[in-house]
Amino acid sequence: MRTTLTGAQRNAVLQSMATLIAKERDAIITANKIDIEAYSGADIAMYDRLKADADKIDGMILSLEQLIADSDPIGKELYHFTHDNGMTIVNKTASFGTVMIIYESRPDVTVEAAGIAFKSGNKILLKGGKESLNSNLEIVKLWHQALEQNNITTDWVEYLNYNRTETQAFLENPTQKIDLIVPRGGEKLIAFVKKNAKCPVIISGRGNNFIYVDTEADLDLALSVINNGKTTKISACNAIDKVIINSKLKKKEAFIQKLIDKLLESNIEILGDKSITAFENTKPYESEDIWYKEFLDYKIVIALVDSLQDAIAKINKYSGGHSAVIITKDDATADNFMSSVDSGAVYQNASTRFTDGGQFGLGGELAISTDKLHHRGPMGLHHLVTNKWYIKGNGQIR
């Protein structure tokens, strides 16, 4: 049985891990090159997430340093009550116990998500994809070294080198107690985990994010925000897939033409309704089902809506509940939009690319939850906790 670790012990392991990654960065890059050269799939997002270059490794180290600097998420008092009979009743944050992270590609998750889970007092079960196996095993080896350097059992970080069939069997009949599962990946992975898991699952990462351009929009700002949301990182779950424009927008045709021209500079395929396909270099979409799809690709859908209410209804029907933006100078309209849209993060006049634990000041994230229980949006260190009641008495009976 694992003994509970103090905050100082957890921080010491994280510090050792940061030092080891800096020391062994060449070994990680070498292992990652094997994975990259072996990858034969056509999934652009998967390939982009697979890379563990110098910048990614710097990000791994930074995430660990930020975790070390952050306060301990365990044992924080949430509620305090003194009963009439003299008992003290306190509610405090507590670790889940064992957290399983299932992810595709993304060797950085093996550091960042595992670091968050470990600092919040949990054992981590890592189930990475076969495409990043060499990278992940190299990083897990460093986790074990960091634990051993601090005289702590390596059981705290375990890598499950399972294929799909073995993973399904483990989820259906776990050989150890699992308290929470966090799948990070595409919709097929999430559906697979939800179908087979026997414990709570936090759904993470489906984007299909929208930008609505209101009649009171600053059009230069709108152009910049849309371009940033779509083109800076195709593989990101916080990228933009859909743009809806109010049909009463002044200078609408000129704006749409500028938007099309700007997106074409990044080789974005532009699909649209009849009003958009009247412009050159656009295509009609085949079915309304496309509004449900997260692309993670060089593709966008643009269409017109007749009102703010229509925009809100369309977003609430089709989006993934991740992020949504209104471009407007009218704060009252923005407040209406932001309170009515059912997404974890809502913006006025800014890019969805900021929906990220680091950008929100969380020092990294375990995932971006599109669930409403027990947490929504970027899930940082202080969100990967449950709670526990502590009652102290001196013989009270009821």
Protein backbone atom coordinates (compact mmCIF):
# COMPACT_ATOMS: atom_id res chain seq x y z
CA MET A 1 0.00 0.00 0.00
CA ARG A 2 1.29 3.49 -0.93
CA THR A 3 1.75 5.89 1.94
CA THR A 4 0.51 9.46 1.59
CA LEU A 5 3.24 11.84 0.45
CA THR A 6 3.78 15.26 1.97
CA GLY A 7 3.75 18.37 -0.20
CA ALA A 8 7.51 18.66 0.27
CA GLN A 9 8.03 15.11 -0.97
CA ARG A 10 5.88 15.68 -4.04
CA ASN A 11 7.72 18.90 -4.87
CA ALA A 12 11.09 17.17 -4.46
CA VAL A 13 10.10 14.56 -7.03
CA LEU A 14 8.92 17.24 -9.45
CA GLN A 15 12.21 19.11 -9.02
CA SER A 16 14.18 15.93 -9.69
CA MET A 17 12.05 15.31 -12.79
CA ALA A 18 12.66 18.83 -14.13
CA THR A 19 16.41 18.38 -13.64
CA LEU A 20 16.39 14.98 -15.33
CA ILE A 21 14.45 16.22 -18.37
CA ALA A 22 16.92 19.08 -18.82
CA LYS A 23 19.82 16.63 -18.52
CA GLU A 24 18.29 13.97 -20.80
CA ARG A 25 16.65 16.20 -23.41
CA ASP A 26 18.77 14.68 -26.21
CA ALA A 27 17.63 11.18 -25.24
CA ILE A 28 13.98 12.30 -25.35
CA ILE A 29 14.44 13.93 -28.77
CA THR A 30 16.20 10.81 -30.08
CA ALA A 31 13.38 8.56 -28.88
CA ASN A 32 10.84 10.95 -30.34
CA LYS A 33 12.53 10.90 -33.75
CA ILE A 34 11.99 7.13 -33.85
CA ASP A 35 8.28 7.69 -33.25
CA ILE A 36 8.05 10.46 -35.85
CA GLU A 37 9.86 8.43 -38.52
CA ALA A 38 7.63 5.42 -37.82
CA TYR A 39 4.39 7.40 -38.03
CA SER A 40 2.67 6.60 -41.31
CA GLY A 41 -0.79 8.06 -40.66
CA ALA A 42 -2.39 10.94 -42.51
CA ASP A 43 -3.78 12.69 -39.42
CA ILE A 44 -2.24 16.18 -39.44
CA ALA A 45 -3.22 16.89 -35.84
CA MET A 46 -1.83 13.58 -34.60
CA TYR A 47 1.50 14.22 -36.31
CA ASP A 48 1.76 17.76 -34.95
CA ARG A 49 1.05 16.58 -31.40
CA LEU A 50 3.59 13.77 -31.71
CA LYS A 51 6.59 16.08 -31.95
CA ALA A 52 8.78 16.57 -28.87
CA ASP A 53 11.27 19.16 -30.07
CA ALA A 54 13.39 21.59 -28.05
CA ASP A 55 10.49 24.00 -27.51
CA LYS A 56 8.20 21.20 -26.32
CA ILE A 57 10.84 20.01 -23.85
CA ASP A 58 11.31 23.56 -22.56
CA GLY A 59 7.53 23.59 -22.03
CA MET A 60 7.72 20.33 -20.07
CA ILE A 61 10.36 21.77 -17.75
CA LEU A 62 8.44 25.02 -17.31
CA SER A 63 5.24 23.17 -16.43
CA LEU A 64 7.07 21.27 -13.67
CA GLU A 65 8.66 24.46 -12.33
CA GLN A 66 5.24 26.13 -12.21
CA LEU A 67 3.78 23.15 -10.36
CA ILE A 68 6.58 23.31 -7.78
CA ALA A 69 5.96 27.02 -7.23
CA ASP A 70 2.21 26.54 -6.84
CA SER A 71 0.55 25.88 -3.48
CA ASP A 72 -0.43 22.40 -2.34
CA PRO A 73 -3.95 21.59 -3.58
CA ILE A 74 -4.53 18.95 -0.87
CA GLY A 75 -5.99 19.75 2.55
CA LYS A 76 -7.43 23.17 1.72
CA GLU A 77 -10.37 24.06 3.94
CA LEU A 78 -13.56 24.56 1.92
CA TYR A 79 -16.12 24.75 4.71
CA HIS A 80 -16.12 24.97 8.51
CA PHE A 81 -19.10 24.45 10.82
CA THR A 82 -19.44 24.11 14.57
CA HIS A 83 -22.47 22.01 15.52
CA ASP A 84 -24.73 23.00 18.43
CA ASN A 85 -23.47 19.91 20.24
CA GLY A 86 -19.85 21.06 20.03
CA MET A 87 -18.63 18.91 17.10
CA THR A 88 -16.40 20.66 14.56
CA ILE A 89 -17.19 19.78 10.97
CA VAL A 90 -14.65 20.70 8.29
CA ASN A 91 -14.62 19.98 4.57
CA LYS A 92 -11.18 19.85 2.90
CA THR A 93 -9.80 19.07 -0.54
CA ALA A 94 -8.50 15.53 -1.04
CA SER A 95 -6.84 13.52 -3.79
CA PHE A 96 -8.87 11.14 -5.93
CA GLY A 97 -6.49 8.23 -5.37
CA THR A 98 -5.62 6.76 -8.75
CA VAL A 99 -6.08 8.75 -11.96
CA MET A 100 -5.79 7.11 -15.37
CA ILE A 101 -4.86 9.32 -18.32
CA ILE A 102 -5.51 7.88 -21.79
CA TYR A 103 -4.04 9.94 -24.60
CA GLU A 104 -3.02 9.88 -28.24
CA SER A 105 0.35 11.14 -29.48
CA ARG A 106 1.39 14.05 -27.16
CA PRO A 107 4.56 12.96 -25.28
CA ASP A 108 4.32 16.23 -23.34
CA VAL A 109 1.21 14.85 -21.58
CA THR A 110 3.47 12.20 -20.03
CA VAL A 111 5.15 15.07 -18.17
CA GLU A 112 2.57 17.80 -17.76
CA ALA A 113 -0.61 15.85 -17.00
CA ALA A 114 1.27 13.31 -14.90
CA GLY A 115 2.90 16.16 -12.98
CA ILE A 116 -0.48 17.72 -12.17
CA ALA A 117 -1.90 14.36 -11.10
CA PHE A 118 1.13 13.61 -8.93
CA LYS A 119 1.29 17.04 -7.24
CA SER A 120 -2.40 16.65 -6.38
CA GLY A 121 -1.57 13.45 -4.51
CA ASN A 122 -2.66 10.83 -7.03
CA LYS A 123 -1.12 7.70 -8.41
CA ILE A 124 -0.96 8.01 -12.21
CA LEU A 125 -1.73 5.34 -14.77
CA LEU A 126 -0.51 6.49 -18.17
CA LYS A 127 -1.93 4.87 -21.31
CA GLY A 128 -0.30 6.57 -24.28
CA GLY A 129 -0.80 5.76 -27.93
CA LYS A 130 1.39 3.34 -29.86
CA GLU A 131 2.53 6.19 -32.11
CA SER A 132 4.44 7.82 -29.20
CA LEU A 133 5.59 4.69 -27.37
CA ASN A 134 9.36 5.31 -27.52
CA SER A 135 8.99 8.92 -26.36
CA ASN A 136 6.66 7.95 -23.53
CA LEU A 137 8.81 5.10 -22.26
CA GLU A 138 11.86 7.39 -22.18
CA ILE A 139 9.95 9.97 -20.13
CA VAL A 140 8.43 7.37 -17.76
CA LYS A 141 11.95 6.05 -17.15
CA LEU A 142 12.85 9.55 -15.93
CA TRP A 143 9.76 9.65 -13.69
CA HIS A 144 10.93 6.43 -12.06
CA GLN A 145 14.44 7.82 -11.60
CA ALA A 146 13.00 10.97 -10.00
CA LEU A 147 10.95 8.88 -7.57
CA GLU A 148 13.90 6.61 -6.71
CA GLN A 149 16.16 9.61 -6.09
CA ASN A 150 13.72 10.63 -3.38
CA ASN A 151 13.32 7.12 -1.90
CA ILE A 152 9.72 6.87 -3.09
CA THR A 153 8.24 3.80 -4.77
CA THR A 154 7.91 3.93 -8.55
CA ASP A 155 4.36 2.61 -8.17
CA TRP A 156 3.21 6.24 -8.16
CA VAL A 157 3.73 6.48 -11.95
CA GLU A 158 2.81 3.44 -14.03
CA TYR A 159 2.81 3.12 -17.82
CA LEU A 160 0.27 0.75 -19.37
CA ASN A 161 1.77 -0.53 -22.61
CA TYR A 162 -1.52 -2.03 -23.83
CA ASN A 163 -3.04 -2.40 -27.27
CA ARG A 164 -6.69 -1.50 -27.91
CA THR A 165 -8.02 -4.94 -26.94
CA GLU A 166 -5.97 -5.04 -23.74
CA THR A 167 -7.04 -1.49 -22.87
CA GLN A 168 -10.71 -2.40 -23.30
CA ALA A 169 -10.28 -5.45 -21.08
CA PHE A 170 -8.54 -3.34 -18.42
CA LEU A 171 -11.28 -0.69 -18.47
CA GLU A 172 -14.01 -3.32 -18.18
CA ASN A 173 -12.26 -5.28 -15.42
CA PRO A 174 -9.46 -3.18 -13.88
CA THR A 175 -6.74 -5.13 -12.08
CA GLN A 176 -6.44 -2.22 -9.63
CA LYS A 177 -8.81 0.41 -8.28
CA ILE A 178 -9.22 3.44 -10.54
CA ASP A 179 -10.95 6.54 -9.22
CA LEU A 180 -11.00 8.76 -12.31
CA ILE A 181 -10.21 8.47 -16.03
CA VAL A 182 -9.29 11.41 -18.25
CA PRO A 183 -9.18 10.65 -21.99
CA ARG A 184 -7.29 13.21 -24.08
CA GLY A 185 -7.75 12.78 -27.80
CA GLY A 186 -10.26 12.62 -30.61
CA GLU A 187 -13.93 11.77 -30.44
CA LYS A 188 -13.32 8.07 -31.22
CA LEU A 189 -11.01 7.73 -28.21
CA ILE A 190 -13.48 9.53 -25.94
CA ALA A 191 -16.38 7.36 -27.14
CA PHE A 192 -14.28 4.22 -26.59
CA VAL A 193 -13.45 5.20 -23.00
CA LYS A 194 -17.00 6.23 -22.13
CA LYS A 195 -18.34 2.94 -23.47
CA ASN A 196 -15.93 0.72 -21.57
CA ALA A 197 -15.00 2.53 -18.34
CA LYS A 198 -16.47 1.48 -15.00
CA CYS A 199 -15.52 4.64 -13.10
CA PRO A 200 -16.08 8.39 -13.55
CA VAL A 201 -14.70 9.88 -16.79
CA ILE A 202 -13.91 13.53 -17.47
CA ILE A 203 -14.48 14.29 -21.13
CA SER A 204 -11.71 16.44 -22.52
CA GLY A 205 -10.77 18.25 -25.61
CA ARG A 206 -13.52 18.22 -28.26
CA GLY A 207 -13.46 21.67 -29.77
CA ASN A 208 -15.64 22.63 -32.77
CA ASN A 209 -15.39 26.24 -31.64
CA PHE A 210 -17.41 29.14 -33.08
CA ILE A 211 -16.85 32.82 -33.74
CA TYR A 212 -19.89 35.04 -34.21
CA VAL A 213 -19.35 38.39 -36.00
CA ASP A 214 -21.99 40.83 -34.76
CA THR A 215 -23.37 43.90 -36.57
CA GLU A 216 -21.30 46.10 -34.23
CA ALA A 217 -18.02 44.28 -34.89
CA ASP A 218 -14.67 45.94 -35.47
CA LEU A 219 -13.97 44.22 -38.79
CA ASP A 220 -10.18 44.48 -38.68
CA LEU A 221 -10.26 42.96 -35.21
CA ALA A 222 -12.62 40.23 -36.42
CA LEU A 223 -10.30 39.36 -39.28
CA SER A 224 -7.32 39.11 -36.94
CA VAL A 225 -9.12 37.01 -34.31
CA ILE A 226 -10.57 34.56 -36.85
CA ASN A 227 -7.23 34.14 -38.62
CA ASN A 228 -5.43 33.52 -35.32
CA GLY A 229 -8.07 31.08 -34.10
CA LYS A 230 -7.94 29.02 -37.29
CA THR A 231 -4.37 29.11 -38.55
CA THR A 232 -1.88 29.27 -35.67
CA LYS A 233 -2.23 25.65 -34.56
CA ILE A 234 -4.42 23.36 -36.63
CA SER A 235 -4.10 20.48 -34.14
CA ALA A 236 -5.33 22.43 -31.11
CA CYS A 237 -8.72 21.72 -29.57
CA ASN A 238 -9.04 25.49 -29.01
CA ALA A 239 -8.80 26.25 -32.75
CA ILE A 240 -11.76 27.72 -34.67
CA ASP A 241 -13.85 25.55 -37.00
CA LYS A 242 -16.96 27.68 -37.60
CA VAL A 243 -17.58 31.37 -38.33
CA ILE A 244 -21.08 32.82 -38.39
CA ILE A 245 -21.70 36.39 -39.54
CA ASN A 246 -24.75 38.54 -38.95
CA SER A 247 -26.49 39.06 -42.30
CA LYS A 248 -27.15 42.73 -41.41
CA LEU A 249 -23.43 43.53 -41.04
CA LYS A 250 -22.48 46.70 -42.91
CA LYS A 251 -19.82 46.19 -45.61
CA LYS A 252 -20.54 42.47 -45.28
CA GLU A 253 -19.41 41.52 -48.82
CA ALA A 254 -16.10 43.35 -48.51
CA PHE A 255 -15.45 41.75 -45.11
CA ILE A 256 -16.25 38.24 -46.34
CA GLN A 257 -13.93 38.70 -49.33
CA LYS A 258 -11.11 39.90 -47.07
CA LEU A 259 -11.70 36.94 -44.74
CA ILE A 260 -11.60 34.46 -47.60
CA ASP A 261 -8.42 35.99 -48.99
CA LYS A 262 -6.75 35.91 -45.58
CA LEU A 263 -7.65 32.26 -44.91
CA LEU A 264 -6.47 31.23 -48.37
CA GLU A 265 -3.01 32.57 -47.49
CA SER A 266 -2.80 29.65 -45.04
CA ASN A 267 -4.32 27.16 -47.50
CA ILE A 268 -7.55 26.84 -45.53
CA GLU A 269 -10.36 25.03 -47.35
CA ILE A 270 -13.45 27.25 -47.08
CA LEU A 271 -16.90 25.66 -46.98
CA GLY A 272 -20.05 27.72 -46.76
CA ASP A 273 -23.76 28.25 -47.22
CA LYS A 274 -25.20 29.74 -50.42
CA SER A 275 -24.29 33.28 -49.43
CA ILE A 276 -20.63 32.31 -48.97
CA THR A 277 -20.30 30.06 -52.03
CA ALA A 278 -21.23 33.07 -54.19
CA PHE A 279 -17.58 34.05 -53.61
CA GLU A 280 -14.72 32.40 -55.52
CA ASN A 281 -12.50 29.75 -53.92
CA THR A 282 -15.25 28.42 -51.66
CA LYS A 283 -17.24 25.18 -51.68
CA PRO A 284 -20.72 24.23 -50.49
CA TYR A 285 -20.86 21.81 -47.59
CA GLU A 286 -22.64 18.55 -48.31
CA SER A 287 -24.77 18.21 -45.19
CA GLU A 288 -25.87 20.06 -42.07
CA ASP A 289 -24.00 17.37 -40.11
CA ILE A 290 -20.78 19.25 -40.85
CA TRP A 291 -21.77 21.76 -38.16
CA TYR A 292 -21.18 19.06 -35.52
CA LYS A 293 -17.66 18.18 -36.72
CA GLU A 294 -14.37 19.16 -35.16
CA PHE A 295 -11.89 19.40 -38.05
CA LEU A 296 -8.34 19.57 -36.60
CA ASP A 297 -7.49 20.31 -40.21
CA TYR A 298 -7.04 23.09 -42.76
CA LYS A 299 -10.79 23.55 -43.08
CA ILE A 300 -13.43 26.05 -41.95
CA VAL A 301 -17.18 26.61 -42.37
CA ILE A 302 -18.56 30.14 -42.82
CA ALA A 303 -22.25 31.07 -42.93
CA LEU A 304 -24.68 33.90 -42.26
CA VAL A 305 -27.24 34.15 -39.46
CA ASP A 306 -30.03 36.70 -39.17
CA SER A 307 -29.75 37.62 -35.49
CA LEU A 308 -27.88 37.26 -32.21
CA GLN A 309 -30.52 34.77 -31.08
CA ASP A 310 -29.94 32.65 -34.19
CA ALA A 311 -26.20 32.69 -33.52
CA ILE A 312 -26.65 31.57 -29.91
CA ALA A 313 -29.07 28.81 -30.95
CA LYS A 314 -26.70 27.52 -33.64
CA ILE A 315 -23.71 27.44 -31.30
CA ASN A 316 -25.66 25.71 -28.53
CA LYS A 317 -26.95 23.08 -30.97
CA TYR A 318 -23.72 22.21 -32.76
CA SER A 319 -20.64 23.21 -30.77
CA GLY A 320 -18.59 20.93 -28.55
CA GLY A 321 -19.19 23.12 -25.50
CA HIS A 322 -15.53 24.18 -25.47
CA SER A 323 -15.11 27.84 -26.52
CA ALA A 324 -17.13 30.49 -28.34
CA VAL A 325 -16.45 34.10 -29.32
CA ILE A 326 -18.50 37.17 -30.12
CA ILE A 327 -16.87 40.02 -32.04
CA THR A 328 -18.71 43.21 -31.07
CA LYS A 329 -18.18 46.69 -29.65
CA ASP A 330 -21.57 46.50 -27.90
CA ASP A 331 -20.97 45.27 -24.36
CA ALA A 332 -24.65 44.59 -23.68
CA THR A 333 -24.86 42.34 -26.74
CA ALA A 334 -21.64 40.61 -25.64
CA ASP A 335 -23.00 40.04 -22.13
CA ASN A 336 -26.18 38.49 -23.59
CA PHE A 337 -24.12 36.21 -25.83
CA MET A 338 -21.68 35.19 -23.11
CA SER A 339 -24.38 34.35 -20.57
CA SER A 340 -26.51 32.45 -23.11
CA VAL A 341 -23.91 30.35 -24.94
CA ASP A 342 -23.44 26.96 -23.28
CA SER A 343 -19.65 26.65 -23.52
CA GLY A 344 -16.92 26.28 -20.93
CA ALA A 345 -15.16 29.46 -22.09
CA VAL A 346 -16.85 32.44 -23.75
CA TYR A 347 -15.02 35.46 -25.18
CA GLN A 348 -15.63 38.98 -26.37
CA ASN A 349 -13.15 40.21 -28.98
CA ALA A 350 -10.38 37.68 -28.31
CA SER A 351 -9.13 34.41 -29.77
CA THR A 352 -10.22 30.98 -28.54
CA ARG A 353 -6.54 30.01 -28.66
CA PHE A 354 -6.31 31.34 -25.10
CA THR A 355 -8.46 28.50 -23.73
CA ASP A 356 -5.50 26.81 -22.12
CA GLY A 357 -4.43 26.17 -18.55
CA GLY A 358 -1.16 28.06 -18.91
CA GLN A 359 -2.82 31.06 -20.55
CA PHE A 360 -5.50 31.15 -17.84
CA GLY A 361 -2.85 31.32 -15.13
CA LEU A 362 -3.24 27.71 -14.00
CA GLY A 363 0.37 26.76 -14.74
CA GLY A 364 -0.64 24.06 -17.21
CA GLU A 365 -3.60 21.74 -17.47
CA LEU A 366 -4.52 18.11 -17.10
CA ALA A 367 -7.23 18.55 -19.72
CA ILE A 368 -9.90 20.95 -20.96
CA SER A 369 -13.16 19.54 -19.67
CA THR A 370 -16.34 19.91 -21.70
CA ASP A 371 -18.26 18.21 -18.88
CA LYS A 372 -20.03 20.18 -16.16
CA LEU A 373 -19.24 17.76 -13.31
CA HIS A 374 -17.02 18.05 -11.47
CA HIS A 375 -15.17 20.80 -13.35
CA ARG A 376 -15.51 22.67 -16.63
CA GLY A 377 -12.91 24.23 -18.93
CA PRO A 378 -9.13 24.14 -18.39
CA MET A 379 -8.46 21.77 -15.52
CA GLY A 380 -5.39 22.71 -13.54
CA LEU A 381 -3.71 21.54 -10.39
CA HIS A 382 -6.38 22.86 -8.00
CA HIS A 383 -9.21 21.26 -9.96
CA LEU A 384 -7.91 17.67 -9.84
CA VAL A 385 -9.21 17.18 -6.32
CA THR A 386 -12.28 15.83 -4.62
CA ASN A 387 -13.26 16.64 -1.03
CA LYS A 388 -13.46 14.94 2.32
CA TRP A 389 -15.29 15.69 5.59
CA TYR A 390 -13.44 15.78 8.93
CA ILE A 391 -15.62 15.64 12.05
CA LYS A 392 -14.17 15.93 15.56
CA GLY A 393 -16.22 15.25 18.67
CA ASN A 394 -15.93 14.10 22.28
CA GLY A 395 -18.60 11.43 22.49
CA GLN A 396 -21.60 13.09 20.81
CA ILE A 397 -24.41 10.73 19.80
CA ARG A 398 -27.61 11.32 17.88
